[in-house]
Amino acid sequence: MASDKLIEEWFDLTRETMPSLASDRGWPVQFDHCFQRILLDNAVGGKWKDAIASPAYRNATDVQLQTAIELGRKAVSGEKELGELNRKSLAWRGKLGG
C-alpha cells in the first residue's frame, strides 16, 4: 500500500502539474485519469488493473507508485515522451490500431 506522501505527490502530478502542461506540450491527453492510466500502465509493464487492485493509488506498492511518479516527472522534464508512453499503454489495452 502506497504511503500518504507518495499518494499526495501522485495526485499533485496527475491532477495539477500534468493537466496544466498538456495543451502547451501538445500531449495526446489532458485529463487526470488519462495521465494516471498511462503512467501506471508503464510502471507495471501492462494494464495496471492486472497488477494493482482498484483504486490504484490506495493499493499500489510504494515501488509501483514511485515508478509511475518518476515516469511522470520525466515526461514533465522532457526526458520521456508522453506520446510514446501513451502508445505503449494503448497497445497493452488492444486500443492501438495498426
PDB file of N, CA and C in Angstrom:
ATOM      1  N   MET A   1       0.842  -1.183   0.000  1.00  0.00           N
ATOM      2  CA  MET A   1       0.000   0.000   0.000  1.00  0.00           C
ATOM      3  C   MET A   1       0.883   1.241   0.000  1.00  0.00           C
ATOM      4  N   ALA A   2       0.624   2.150  -0.915  1.00  0.00           N
ATOM      5  CA  ALA A   2       1.448   3.340  -1.079  1.00  0.00           C
ATOM      6  C   ALA A   2       1.313   4.276   0.125  1.00  0.00           C
ATOM      7  N   SER A   3       2.399   4.954   0.421  1.00  0.00           N
ATOM      8  CA  SER A   3       2.411   5.892   1.543  1.00  0.00           C
ATOM      9  C   SER A   3       1.604   7.144   1.214  1.00  0.00           C
ATOM     10  N   ASP A   4       1.152   7.824   2.269  1.00  0.00           N
ATOM     11  CA  ASP A   4       0.386   9.059   2.086  1.00  0.00           C
ATOM     12  C   ASP A   4       1.185  10.105   1.330  1.00  0.00           C
ATOM     13  N   LYS A   5       2.483  10.178   1.585  1.00  0.00           N
ATOM     14  CA  LYS A   5       3.341  11.159   0.897  1.00  0.00           C
ATOM     15  C   LYS A   5       3.359  10.887  -0.607  1.00  0.00           C
ATOM     16  N   LEU A   6       3.501   9.624  -0.993  1.00  0.00           N
ATOM     17  CA  LEU A   6       3.502   9.286  -2.417  1.00  0.00           C
ATOM     18  C   LEU A   6       2.140   9.547  -3.050  1.00  0.00           C
ATOM     19  N   ILE A   7       1.082   9.241  -2.328  1.00  0.00           N
ATOM     20  CA  ILE A   7      -0.263   9.494  -2.861  1.00  0.00           C
ATOM     21  C   ILE A   7      -0.464  10.992  -3.095  1.00  0.00           C
ATOM     22  N   GLU A   8       0.004  11.810  -2.169  1.00  0.00           N
ATOM     23  CA  GLU A   8      -0.099  13.263  -2.341  1.00  0.00           C
ATOM     24  C   GLU A   8       0.688  13.720  -3.572  1.00  0.00           C
ATOM     25  N   GLU A   9       1.896  13.212  -3.729  1.00  0.00           N
ATOM     26  CA  GLU A   9       2.715  13.543  -4.909  1.00  0.00           C
ATOM     27  C   GLU A   9       2.006  13.106  -6.185  1.00  0.00           C
ATOM     28  N   TRP A  10       1.441  11.907  -6.165  1.00  0.00           N
ATOM     29  CA  TRP A  10       0.747  11.336  -7.314  1.00  0.00           C
ATOM     30  C   TRP A  10      -0.393  12.234  -7.771  1.00  0.00           C
ATOM     31  N   PHE A  11      -1.222  12.640  -6.827  1.00  0.00           N
ATOM     32  CA  PHE A  11      -2.347  13.483  -7.197  1.00  0.00           C
ATOM     33  C   PHE A  11      -1.905  14.878  -7.632  1.00  0.00           C
ATOM     34  N   ASP A  12      -0.895  15.432  -7.012  1.00  0.00           N
ATOM     35  CA  ASP A  12      -0.389  16.738  -7.442  1.00  0.00           C
ATOM     36  C   ASP A  12       0.119  16.651  -8.885  1.00  0.00           C
ATOM     37  N   LEU A  13       0.872  15.603  -9.183  1.00  0.00           N
ATOM     38  CA  LEU A  13       1.429  15.421 -10.518  1.00  0.00           C
ATOM     39  C   LEU A  13       0.339  15.195 -11.559  1.00  0.00           C
ATOM     40  N   THR A  14      -0.586  14.270 -11.273  1.00  0.00           N
ATOM     41  CA  THR A  14      -1.560  13.870 -12.301  1.00  0.00           C
ATOM     42  C   THR A  14      -2.821  14.718 -12.344  1.00  0.00           C
ATOM     43  N   ARG A  15      -3.113  15.427 -11.271  1.00  0.00           N
ATOM     44  CA  ARG A  15      -4.321  16.266 -11.255  1.00  0.00           C
ATOM     45  C   ARG A  15      -4.020  17.743 -11.487  1.00  0.00           C
ATOM     46  N   GLU A  16      -2.792  18.147 -11.204  1.00  0.00           N
ATOM     47  CA  GLU A  16      -2.434  19.569 -11.323  1.00  0.00           C
ATOM     48  C   GLU A  16      -1.344  19.802 -12.376  1.00  0.00           C
ATOM     49  N   THR A  17      -0.159  19.278 -12.117  1.00  0.00           N
ATOM     50  CA  THR A  17       1.008  19.587 -12.955  1.00  0.00           C
ATOM     51  C   THR A  17       0.814  19.155 -14.404  1.00  0.00           C
ATOM     52  N   MET A  18       0.542  17.888 -14.619  1.00  0.00           N
ATOM     53  CA  MET A  18       0.465  17.389 -15.996  1.00  0.00           C
ATOM     54  C   MET A  18      -0.717  17.976 -16.774  1.00  0.00           C
ATOM     55  N   PRO A  19      -1.929  18.040 -16.203  1.00  0.00           N
ATOM     56  CA  PRO A  19      -3.019  18.661 -16.959  1.00  0.00           C
ATOM     57  C   PRO A  19      -2.748  20.126 -17.306  1.00  0.00           C
ATOM     58  N   SER A  20      -2.045  20.844 -16.429  1.00  0.00           N
ATOM     59  CA  SER A  20      -1.770  22.258 -16.713  1.00  0.00           C
ATOM     60  C   SER A  20      -0.775  22.432 -17.862  1.00  0.00           C
ATOM     61  N   LEU A  21       0.014  21.413 -18.142  1.00  0.00           N
ATOM     62  CA  LEU A  21       1.004  21.472 -19.221  1.00  0.00           C
ATOM     63  C   LEU A  21       0.503  20.870 -20.526  1.00  0.00           C
ATOM     64  N   ALA A  22      -0.560  20.106 -20.479  1.00  0.00           N
ATOM     65  CA  ALA A  22      -0.996  19.283 -21.611  1.00  0.00           C
ATOM     66  C   ALA A  22      -1.179  20.063 -22.903  1.00  0.00           C
ATOM     67  N   SER A  23      -1.878  21.170 -22.844  1.00  0.00           N
ATOM     68  CA  SER A  23      -2.171  21.929 -24.055  1.00  0.00           C
ATOM     69  C   SER A  23      -0.895  22.507 -24.672  1.00  0.00           C
ATOM     70  N   ASP A  24      -0.073  23.157 -23.847  1.00  0.00           N
ATOM     71  CA  ASP A  24       1.164  23.764 -24.350  1.00  0.00           C
ATOM     72  C   ASP A  24       2.137  22.735 -24.902  1.00  0.00           C
ATOM     73  N   ARG A  25       2.130  21.541 -24.333  1.00  0.00           N
ATOM     74  CA  ARG A  25       3.050  20.483 -24.765  1.00  0.00           C
ATOM     75  C   ARG A  25       2.514  19.691 -25.956  1.00  0.00           C
ATOM     76  N   GLY A  26       1.235  19.881 -26.271  1.00  0.00           N
ATOM     77  CA  GLY A  26       0.632  19.107 -27.351  1.00  0.00           C
ATOM     78  C   GLY A  26       0.482  17.637 -27.006  1.00  0.00           C
ATOM     79  N   TRP A  27       0.311  17.358 -25.708  1.00  0.00           N
ATOM     80  CA  TRP A  27       0.165  15.973 -25.274  1.00  0.00           C
ATOM     81  C   TRP A  27      -1.148  15.386 -25.772  1.00  0.00           C
ATOM     82  N   PRO A  28      -1.177  14.074 -25.995  1.00  0.00           N
ATOM     83  CA  PRO A  28      -2.370  13.434 -26.566  1.00  0.00           C
ATOM     84  C   PRO A  28      -3.531  13.294 -25.579  1.00  0.00           C
ATOM     85  N   VAL A  29      -3.299  13.596 -24.308  1.00  0.00           N
ATOM     86  CA  VAL A  29      -4.348  13.516 -23.286  1.00  0.00           C
ATOM     87  C   VAL A  29      -4.298  14.775 -22.434  1.00  0.00           C
ATOM     88  N   GLN A  30      -5.390  15.040 -21.708  1.00  0.00           N
ATOM     89  CA  GLN A  30      -5.405  16.227 -20.854  1.00  0.00           C
ATOM     90  C   GLN A  30      -6.049  16.002 -19.484  1.00  0.00           C
ATOM     91  N   PHE A  31      -6.679  14.850 -19.302  1.00  0.00           N
ATOM     92  CA  PHE A  31      -7.397  14.598 -18.052  1.00  0.00           C
ATOM     93  C   PHE A  31      -6.585  13.729 -17.092  1.00  0.00           C
ATOM     94  N   ASP A  32      -6.799  13.955 -15.797  1.00  0.00           N
ATOM     95  CA  ASP A  32      -6.023  13.261 -14.768  1.00  0.00           C
ATOM     96  C   ASP A  32      -6.069  11.746 -14.905  1.00  0.00           C
ATOM     97  N   HIS A  33      -7.256  11.187 -15.147  1.00  0.00           N
ATOM     98  CA  HIS A  33      -7.347   9.726 -15.232  1.00  0.00           C
ATOM     99  C   HIS A  33      -6.573   9.162 -16.417  1.00  0.00           C
ATOM    100  N   CYS A  34      -6.415   9.955 -17.469  1.00  0.00           N
ATOM    101  CA  CYS A  34      -5.628   9.509 -18.625  1.00  0.00           C
ATOM    102  C   CYS A  34      -4.134   9.476 -18.270  1.00  0.00           C
ATOM    103  N   PHE A  35      -3.657  10.522 -17.605  1.00  0.00           N
ATOM    104  CA  PHE A  35      -2.261  10.511 -17.164  1.00  0.00           C
ATOM    105  C   PHE A  35      -2.018   9.349 -16.209  1.00  0.00           C
ATOM    106  N   GLN A  36      -2.954   9.114 -15.320  1.00  0.00           N
ATOM    107  CA  GLN A  36      -2.812   8.023 -14.356  1.00  0.00           C
ATOM    108  C   GLN A  36      -2.741   6.674 -15.070  1.00  0.00           C
ATOM    109  N   ARG A  37      -3.596   6.462 -16.055  1.00  0.00           N
ATOM    110  CA  ARG A  37      -3.575   5.215 -16.825  1.00  0.00           C
ATOM    111  C   ARG A  37      -2.223   5.024 -17.503  1.00  0.00           C
ATOM    112  N   ILE A  38      -1.762   6.049 -18.185  1.00  0.00           N
ATOM    113  CA  ILE A  38      -0.501   5.964 -18.931  1.00  0.00           C
ATOM    114  C   ILE A  38       0.660   5.648 -17.997  1.00  0.00           C
ATOM    115  N   LEU A  39       0.757   6.392 -16.920  1.00  0.00           N
ATOM    116  CA  LEU A  39       1.899   6.224 -16.012  1.00  0.00           C
ATOM    117  C   LEU A  39       1.858   4.893 -15.277  1.00  0.00           C
ATOM    118  N   LEU A  40       0.683   4.501 -14.802  1.00  0.00           N
ATOM    119  CA  LEU A  40       0.579   3.221 -14.101  1.00  0.00           C
ATOM    120  C   LEU A  40       0.822   2.040 -15.034  1.00  0.00           C
ATOM    121  N   ASP A  41       0.253   2.089 -16.243  1.00  0.00           N
ATOM    122  CA  ASP A  41       0.490   1.004 -17.197  1.00  0.00           C
ATOM    123  C   ASP A  41       1.980   0.847 -17.473  1.00  0.00           C
ATOM    124  N   ASN A  42       2.660   1.956 -17.695  1.00  0.00           N
ATOM    125  CA  ASN A  42       4.091   1.893 -17.987  1.00  0.00           C
ATOM    126  C   ASN A  42       4.903   1.480 -16.765  1.00  0.00           C
ATOM    127  N   ALA A  43       4.433   1.813 -15.587  1.00  0.00           N
ATOM    128  CA  ALA A  43       5.139   1.424 -14.363  1.00  0.00           C
ATOM    129  C   ALA A  43       5.090  -0.081 -14.144  1.00  0.00           C
ATOM    130  N   VAL A  44       3.975  -0.711 -14.538  1.00  0.00           N
ATOM    131  CA  VAL A  44       3.841  -2.155 -14.313  1.00  0.00           C
ATOM    132  C   VAL A  44       4.088  -2.981 -15.576  1.00  0.00           C
ATOM    133  N   GLY A  45       4.232  -2.323 -16.721  1.00  0.00           N
ATOM    134  CA  GLY A  45       4.518  -3.037 -17.961  1.00  0.00           C
ATOM    135  C   GLY A  45       3.321  -3.740 -18.563  1.00  0.00           C
ATOM    136  N   GLY A  46       2.149  -3.165 -18.394  1.00  0.00           N
ATOM    137  CA  GLY A  46       0.910  -3.725 -18.934  1.00  0.00           C
ATOM    138  C   GLY A  46      -0.273  -2.993 -18.330  1.00  0.00           C
ATOM    139  N   LYS A  47      -1.472  -3.551 -18.514  1.00  0.00           N
ATOM    140  CA  LYS A  47      -2.661  -2.915 -17.933  1.00  0.00           C
ATOM    141  C   LYS A  47      -2.530  -2.915 -16.411  1.00  0.00           C
ATOM    142  N   TRP A  48      -2.603  -1.748 -15.824  1.00  0.00           N
ATOM    143  CA  TRP A  48      -2.369  -1.667 -14.380  1.00  0.00           C
ATOM    144  C   TRP A  48      -3.372  -2.486 -13.585  1.00  0.00           C
ATOM    145  N   LYS A  49      -4.599  -2.609 -14.091  1.00  0.00           N
ATOM    146  CA  LYS A  49      -5.615  -3.360 -13.348  1.00  0.00           C
ATOM    147  C   LYS A  49      -5.281  -4.846 -13.250  1.00  0.00           C
ATOM    148  N   ASP A  50      -4.364  -5.330 -14.090  1.00  0.00           N
ATOM    149  CA  ASP A  50      -3.917  -6.717 -13.995  1.00  0.00           C
ATOM    150  C   ASP A  50      -2.892  -6.902 -12.881  1.00  0.00           C
ATOM    151  N   ALA A  51      -2.326  -5.786 -12.390  1.00  0.00           N
ATOM    152  CA  ALA A  51      -1.271  -5.859 -11.375  1.00  0.00           C
ATOM    153  C   ALA A  51      -1.641  -5.196 -10.053  1.00  0.00           C
ATOM    154  N   ILE A  52      -2.605  -4.276 -10.084  1.00  0.00           N
ATOM    155  CA  ILE A  52      -2.949  -3.481  -8.901  1.00  0.00           C
ATOM    156  C   ILE A  52      -4.470  -3.466  -8.744  1.00  0.00           C
ATOM    157  N   ALA A  53      -4.941  -3.731  -7.543  1.00  0.00           N
ATOM    158  CA  ALA A  53      -6.384  -3.634  -7.284  1.00  0.00           C
ATOM    159  C   ALA A  53      -6.812  -2.163  -7.307  1.00  0.00           C
ATOM    160  N   SER A  54      -8.056  -1.949  -7.665  1.00  0.00           N
ATOM    161  CA  SER A  54      -8.605  -0.599  -7.681  1.00  0.00           C
ATOM    162  C   SER A  54      -9.108  -0.227  -6.281  1.00  0.00           C
ATOM    163  N   PRO A  55      -8.935   1.010  -5.851  1.00  0.00           N
ATOM    164  CA  PRO A  55      -8.283   2.125  -6.528  1.00  0.00           C
ATOM    165  C   PRO A  55      -6.758   2.005  -6.451  1.00  0.00           C
ATOM    166  N   ALA A  56      -6.136   2.243  -7.577  1.00  0.00           N
ATOM    167  CA  ALA A  56      -4.688   2.033  -7.693  1.00  0.00           C
ATOM    168  C   ALA A  56      -3.895   2.884  -6.717  1.00  0.00           C
ATOM    169  N   TYR A  57      -4.281   4.137  -6.525  1.00  0.00           N
ATOM    170  CA  TYR A  57      -3.489   4.998  -5.636  1.00  0.00           C
ATOM    171  C   TYR A  57      -3.437   4.437  -4.221  1.00  0.00           C
ATOM    172  N   ARG A  58      -4.454   3.737  -3.822  1.00  0.00           N
ATOM    173  CA  ARG A  58      -4.506   3.184  -2.469  1.00  0.00           C
ATOM    174  C   ARG A  58      -3.849   1.803  -2.397  1.00  0.00           C
ATOM    175  N   ASN A  59      -3.892   1.041  -3.480  1.00  0.00           N
ATOM    176  CA  ASN A  59      -3.438  -0.347  -3.458  1.00  0.00           C
ATOM    177  C   ASN A  59      -2.083  -0.589  -4.116  1.00  0.00           C
ATOM    178  N   ALA A  60      -1.549   0.393  -4.815  1.00  0.00           N
ATOM    179  CA  ALA A  60      -0.214   0.241  -5.403  1.00  0.00           C
ATOM    180  C   ALA A  60       0.821   0.180  -4.283  1.00  0.00           C
ATOM    181  N   THR A  61       1.903  -0.524  -4.560  1.00  0.00           N
ATOM    182  CA  THR A  61       3.018  -0.509  -3.616  1.00  0.00           C
ATOM    183  C   THR A  61       3.758   0.815  -3.757  1.00  0.00           C
ATOM    184  N   ASP A  62       4.582   1.122  -2.779  1.00  0.00           N
ATOM    185  CA  ASP A  62       5.409   2.331  -2.891  1.00  0.00           C
ATOM    186  C   ASP A  62       6.253   2.282  -4.164  1.00  0.00           C
ATOM    187  N   VAL A  63       6.804   1.121  -4.465  1.00  0.00           N
ATOM    188  CA  VAL A  63       7.657   0.991  -5.653  1.00  0.00           C
ATOM    189  C   VAL A  63       6.857   1.254  -6.927  1.00  0.00           C
ATOM    190  N   GLN A  64       5.675   0.676  -7.031  1.00  0.00           N
ATOM    191  CA  GLN A  64       4.846   0.895  -8.223  1.00  0.00           C
ATOM    192  C   GLN A  64       4.473   2.358  -8.385  1.00  0.00           C
ATOM    193  N   LEU A  65       4.035   2.987  -7.313  1.00  0.00           N
ATOM    194  CA  LEU A  65       3.616   4.383  -7.409  1.00  0.00           C
ATOM    195  C   LEU A  65       4.817   5.294  -7.635  1.00  0.00           C
ATOM    196  N   GLN A  66       5.935   5.005  -6.996  1.00  0.00           N
ATOM    197  CA  GLN A  66       7.143   5.812  -7.199  1.00  0.00           C
ATOM    198  C   GLN A  66       7.618   5.702  -8.651  1.00  0.00           C
ATOM    199  N   THR A  67       7.560   4.513  -9.219  1.00  0.00           N
ATOM    200  CA  THR A  67       7.949   4.332 -10.623  1.00  0.00           C
ATOM    201  C   THR A  67       7.041   5.146 -11.534  1.00  0.00           C
ATOM    202  N   ALA A  68       5.747   5.121 -11.273  1.00  0.00           N
ATOM    203  CA  ALA A  68       4.800   5.899 -12.078  1.00  0.00           C
ATOM    204  C   ALA A  68       5.063   7.393 -11.933  1.00  0.00           C
ATOM    205  N   ILE A  69       5.335   7.850 -10.729  1.00  0.00           N
ATOM    206  CA  ILE A  69       5.639   9.266 -10.482  1.00  0.00           C
ATOM    207  C   ILE A  69       6.910   9.663 -11.217  1.00  0.00           C
ATOM    208  N   GLU A  70       7.925   8.830 -11.160  1.00  0.00           N
ATOM    209  CA  GLU A  70       9.178   9.142 -11.852  1.00  0.00           C
ATOM    210  C   GLU A  70       8.968   9.246 -13.355  1.00  0.00           C
ATOM    211  N   LEU A  71       8.154   8.369 -13.928  1.00  0.00           N
ATOM    212  CA  LEU A  71       7.840   8.468 -15.358  1.00  0.00           C
ATOM    213  C   LEU A  71       7.133   9.789 -15.659  1.00  0.00           C
ATOM    214  N   GLY A  72       6.199  10.178 -14.806  1.00  0.00           N
ATOM    215  CA  GLY A  72       5.505  11.451 -14.995  1.00  0.00           C
ATOM    216  C   GLY A  72       6.444  12.634 -14.906  1.00  0.00           C
ATOM    217  N   ARG A  73       7.342  12.604 -13.942  1.00  0.00           N
ATOM    218  CA  ARG A  73       8.317  13.688 -13.813  1.00  0.00           C
ATOM    219  C   ARG A  73       9.215  13.775 -15.041  1.00  0.00           C
ATOM    220  N   LYS A  74       9.586  12.612 -15.576  1.00  0.00           N
ATOM    221  CA  LYS A  74      10.423  12.604 -16.780  1.00  0.00           C
ATOM    222  C   LYS A  74       9.651  13.144 -17.978  1.00  0.00           C
ATOM    223  N   ALA A  75       8.361  12.875 -18.043  1.00  0.00           N
ATOM    224  CA  ALA A  75       7.542  13.449 -19.116  1.00  0.00           C
ATOM    225  C   ALA A  75       7.468  14.967 -18.965  1.00  0.00           C
ATOM    226  N   VAL A  76       7.310  15.431 -17.736  1.00  0.00           N
ATOM    227  CA  VAL A  76       7.255  16.874 -17.473  1.00  0.00           C
ATOM    228  C   VAL A  76       8.575  17.541 -17.845  1.00  0.00           C
ATOM    229  N   SER A  77       9.698  16.900 -17.526  1.00  0.00           N
ATOM    230  CA  SER A  77      11.015  17.489 -17.796  1.00  0.00           C
ATOM    231  C   SER A  77      11.462  17.311 -19.241  1.00  0.00           C
ATOM    232  N   GLY A  78      10.737  16.492 -20.004  1.00  0.00           N
ATOM    233  CA  GLY A  78      11.102  16.254 -21.392  1.00  0.00           C
ATOM    234  C   GLY A  78      12.029  15.062 -21.594  1.00  0.00           C
ATOM    235  N   GLU A  79      12.349  14.347 -20.529  1.00  0.00           N
ATOM    236  CA  GLU A  79      13.217  13.172 -20.643  1.00  0.00           C
ATOM    237  C   GLU A  79      12.491  11.969 -21.227  1.00  0.00           C
ATOM    238  N   LYS A  80      11.181  11.932 -21.084  1.00  0.00           N
ATOM    239  CA  LYS A  80      10.339  10.873 -21.667  1.00  0.00           C
ATOM    240  C   LYS A  80       9.270  11.543 -22.512  1.00  0.00           C
ATOM    241  N   GLU A  81       8.904  10.891 -23.603  1.00  0.00           N
ATOM    242  CA  GLU A  81       7.890  11.433 -24.497  1.00  0.00           C
ATOM    243  C   GLU A  81       6.541  10.832 -24.117  1.00  0.00           C
ATOM    244  N   LEU A  82       5.621  11.661 -23.668  1.00  0.00           N
ATOM    245  CA  LEU A  82       4.334  11.173 -23.197  1.00  0.00           C
ATOM    246  C   LEU A  82       3.566  10.448 -24.301  1.00  0.00           C
ATOM    247  N   GLY A  83       3.684  10.914 -25.524  1.00  0.00           N
ATOM    248  CA  GLY A  83       3.002  10.246 -26.637  1.00  0.00           C
ATOM    249  C   GLY A  83       3.434   8.793 -26.774  1.00  0.00           C
ATOM    250  N   GLU A  84       4.717   8.529 -26.602  1.00  0.00           N
ATOM    251  CA  GLU A  84       5.222   7.157 -26.680  1.00  0.00           C
ATOM    252  C   GLU A  84       4.701   6.315 -25.519  1.00  0.00           C
ATOM    253  N   LEU A  85       4.701   6.894 -24.313  1.00  0.00           N
ATOM    254  CA  LEU A  85       4.156   6.181 -23.161  1.00  0.00           C
ATOM    255  C   LEU A  85       2.672   5.866 -23.381  1.00  0.00           C
ATOM    256  N   ASN A  86       1.945   6.793 -23.978  1.00  0.00           N
ATOM    257  CA  ASN A  86       0.530   6.587 -24.265  1.00  0.00           C
ATOM    258  C   ASN A  86       0.347   5.473 -25.294  1.00  0.00           C
ATOM    259  N   ARG A  87       1.173   5.459 -26.331  1.00  0.00           N
ATOM    260  CA  ARG A  87       1.068   4.410 -27.350  1.00  0.00           C
ATOM    261  C   ARG A  87       1.298   3.026 -26.739  1.00  0.00           C
ATOM    262  N   LYS A  88       2.269   2.913 -25.844  1.00  0.00           N
ATOM    263  CA  LYS A  88       2.505   1.629 -25.169  1.00  0.00           C
ATOM    264  C   LYS A  88       1.282   1.223 -24.358  1.00  0.00           C
ATOM    265  N   SER A  89       0.730   2.166 -23.613  1.00  0.00           N
ATOM    266  CA  SER A  89      -0.446   1.899 -22.795  1.00  0.00           C
ATOM    267  C   SER A  89      -1.614   1.422 -23.655  1.00  0.00           C
ATOM    268  N   LEU A  90      -1.860   2.125 -24.741  1.00  0.00           N
ATOM    269  CA  LEU A  90      -2.966   1.748 -25.625  1.00  0.00           C
ATOM    270  C   LEU A  90      -2.724   0.391 -26.273  1.00  0.00           C
ATOM    271  N   ALA A  91      -1.485   0.091 -26.619  1.00  0.00           N
ATOM    272  CA  ALA A  91      -1.164  -1.210 -27.224  1.00  0.00           C
ATOM    273  C   ALA A  91      -1.448  -2.338 -26.234  1.00  0.00           C
ATOM    274  N   TRP A  92      -1.053  -2.159 -24.980  1.00  0.00           N
ATOM    275  CA  TRP A  92      -1.329  -3.177 -23.954  1.00  0.00           C
ATOM    276  C   TRP A  92      -2.829  -3.398 -23.786  1.00  0.00           C
ATOM    277  N   ARG A  93      -3.601  -2.381 -24.072  1.00  0.00           N
ATOM    278  CA  ARG A  93      -5.047  -2.456 -23.904  1.00  0.00           C
ATOM    279  C   ARG A  93      -5.767  -2.848 -25.194  1.00  0.00           C
ATOM    280  N   GLY A  94      -4.992  -3.109 -26.265  1.00  0.00           N
ATOM    281  CA  GLY A  94      -5.580  -3.507 -27.529  1.00  0.00           C
ATOM    282  C   GLY A  94      -6.333  -2.389 -28.220  1.00  0.00           C
ATOM    283  N   LYS A  95      -5.966  -1.154 -27.918  1.00  0.00           N
ATOM    284  CA  LYS A  95      -6.689   0.000 -28.471  1.00  0.00           C
ATOM    285  C   LYS A  95      -5.855   0.798 -29.457  1.00  0.00           C
ATOM    286  N   LEU A  96      -4.756   0.218 -29.922  1.00  0.00           N
ATOM    287  CA  LEU A  96      -3.889   0.905 -30.870  1.00  0.00           C
ATOM    288  C   LEU A  96      -4.081   0.248 -32.226  1.00  0.00           C
ATOM    289  N   GLY A  97      -4.597   1.019 -33.168  1.00  0.00           N
ATOM    290  CA  GLY A  97      -4.805   0.476 -34.492  1.00  0.00           C
ATOM    291  C   GLY A  97      -3.492   0.180 -35.198  1.00  0.00           C
ATOM    292  N   GLY A  98      -3.559  -0.670 -36.209  1.00  0.00           N
ATOM    293  CA  GLY A  98      -2.351  -0.910 -36.982  1.00  0.00           C
ATOM    294  C   GLY A  98      -2.092  -2.293 -37.331  1.00  0.00           C
TER     295      GLY A  98
END
